[in-house]
């Protein structure tokens, strides 16, 4: 059975509560802080 969507899958909206968005943003910033130093730049 094939279902027709009114929009393409890549355009599917995702609704994220503000609290979760803030936690994800903070987690991403912390990950970037860890991998940003030169020890992860590929030159060992």
N, C-alpha and C. Protein backbone atom coordinates (compact mmCIF):
# COMPACT_ATOMS: atom_id res chain seq x y z
N UNK A 1 0.84 -1.17 0.00
CA UNK A 1 0.00 0.00 0.00
C UNK A 1 0.88 1.24 0.00
N UNK A 2 0.64 2.14 -0.92
CA UNK A 2 1.43 3.37 -1.01
C UNK A 2 0.57 4.55 -0.59
N UNK A 3 1.09 5.34 0.31
CA UNK A 3 0.36 6.50 0.83
C UNK A 3 0.96 7.77 0.24
N UNK A 4 0.10 8.66 -0.24
CA UNK A 4 0.58 9.93 -0.77
C UNK A 4 0.65 10.95 0.36
N UNK A 5 1.82 11.57 0.50
CA UNK A 5 1.99 12.62 1.49
C UNK A 5 1.78 13.97 0.81
N UNK A 6 1.21 14.93 1.53
CA UNK A 6 1.04 16.26 0.94
C UNK A 6 2.35 17.04 0.85
N UNK A 7 3.43 16.50 1.40
CA UNK A 7 4.73 17.14 1.35
C UNK A 7 5.80 16.07 1.21
N UNK A 8 6.96 16.48 0.76
CA UNK A 8 8.07 15.54 0.63
C UNK A 8 8.60 15.18 2.02
N UNK A 9 9.11 13.99 2.17
CA UNK A 9 9.60 13.52 3.47
C UNK A 9 10.68 14.46 4.02
N UNK A 10 11.54 14.98 3.15
CA UNK A 10 12.61 15.88 3.60
C UNK A 10 12.05 17.18 4.19
N UNK A 11 10.80 17.46 3.90
CA UNK A 11 10.20 18.68 4.41
C UNK A 11 9.28 18.43 5.60
N UNK A 12 9.35 17.25 6.15
CA UNK A 12 8.51 16.91 7.28
C UNK A 12 8.89 17.78 8.48
N UNK A 13 7.97 18.53 9.03
CA UNK A 13 8.31 19.38 10.18
C UNK A 13 8.55 18.55 11.44
N UNK A 14 9.44 19.03 12.25
CA UNK A 14 9.71 18.40 13.53
C UNK A 14 9.49 19.47 14.60
N UNK A 15 8.61 19.18 15.52
CA UNK A 15 8.31 20.13 16.57
C UNK A 15 9.03 19.69 17.84
N UNK A 16 9.94 20.52 18.29
CA UNK A 16 10.77 20.21 19.45
C UNK A 16 10.43 21.21 20.55
N UNK A 17 10.09 20.73 21.73
CA UNK A 17 9.83 21.65 22.84
C UNK A 17 11.06 22.50 23.15
N UNK A 18 10.85 23.71 23.62
CA UNK A 18 11.95 24.64 23.89
C UNK A 18 12.97 24.06 24.87
N UNK A 19 12.51 23.34 25.87
CA UNK A 19 13.43 22.76 26.86
C UNK A 19 14.37 21.75 26.18
N UNK A 20 13.82 20.90 25.33
CA UNK A 20 14.64 19.92 24.62
C UNK A 20 15.59 20.61 23.66
N UNK A 21 15.10 21.62 22.95
CA UNK A 21 15.95 22.37 22.01
C UNK A 21 17.15 22.97 22.76
N UNK A 22 16.91 23.53 23.93
CA UNK A 22 17.99 24.12 24.71
C UNK A 22 18.98 23.07 25.17
N UNK A 23 18.50 21.90 25.57
CA UNK A 23 19.39 20.82 25.99
C UNK A 23 20.23 20.32 24.82
N UNK A 24 19.60 20.18 23.64
CA UNK A 24 20.34 19.73 22.46
C UNK A 24 21.39 20.76 22.04
N UNK A 25 21.02 22.03 22.08
CA UNK A 25 21.97 23.09 21.72
C UNK A 25 23.15 23.10 22.67
N UNK A 26 22.89 22.94 23.96
CA UNK A 26 23.96 22.90 24.95
C UNK A 26 24.86 21.69 24.74
N UNK A 27 24.26 20.54 24.48
CA UNK A 27 25.04 19.32 24.24
C UNK A 27 25.93 19.48 23.00
N UNK A 28 25.38 20.07 21.95
CA UNK A 28 26.17 20.29 20.73
C UNK A 28 27.34 21.22 21.00
N UNK A 29 27.10 22.27 21.75
CA UNK A 29 28.18 23.21 22.09
C UNK A 29 29.28 22.52 22.89
N UNK A 30 28.89 21.64 23.80
CA UNK A 30 29.89 20.91 24.59
C UNK A 30 30.69 19.95 23.73
N UNK A 31 30.03 19.29 22.80
CA UNK A 31 30.74 18.38 21.88
C UNK A 31 31.72 19.16 21.03
N UNK A 32 31.30 20.30 20.52
CA UNK A 32 32.20 21.14 19.71
C UNK A 32 33.40 21.58 20.54
N UNK A 33 33.18 21.94 21.81
CA UNK A 33 34.30 22.33 22.67
C UNK A 33 35.31 21.21 22.84
N UNK A 34 34.85 19.97 22.83
CA UNK A 34 35.75 18.82 22.99
C UNK A 34 36.52 18.53 21.72
N UNK A 35 35.85 18.57 20.57
CA UNK A 35 36.51 18.17 19.33
C UNK A 35 37.23 19.32 18.62
N UNK A 36 37.04 20.54 19.07
CA UNK A 36 37.65 21.69 18.43
C UNK A 36 39.17 21.79 18.65
N UNK A 37 39.70 21.39 19.80
CA UNK A 37 41.15 21.50 20.00
C UNK A 37 41.94 20.76 18.92
N UNK A 38 43.19 21.17 18.75
CA UNK A 38 44.03 20.62 17.67
C UNK A 38 44.29 19.13 17.82
N UNK A 39 44.14 18.57 18.99
CA UNK A 39 44.41 17.12 19.12
C UNK A 39 43.45 16.26 18.29
N UNK A 40 42.34 16.84 17.85
CA UNK A 40 41.40 16.11 17.02
C UNK A 40 41.46 16.56 15.56
N UNK A 41 42.44 17.36 15.21
CA UNK A 41 42.51 17.91 13.86
C UNK A 41 43.11 16.95 12.85
N UNK A 42 43.54 15.80 13.28
CA UNK A 42 44.12 14.82 12.36
C UNK A 42 45.63 14.84 12.36
N UNK A 43 46.24 15.78 13.08
CA UNK A 43 47.70 15.83 13.19
C UNK A 43 48.07 15.36 14.59
N UNK A 44 48.59 14.16 14.67
CA UNK A 44 48.91 13.59 15.97
C UNK A 44 50.39 13.62 16.22
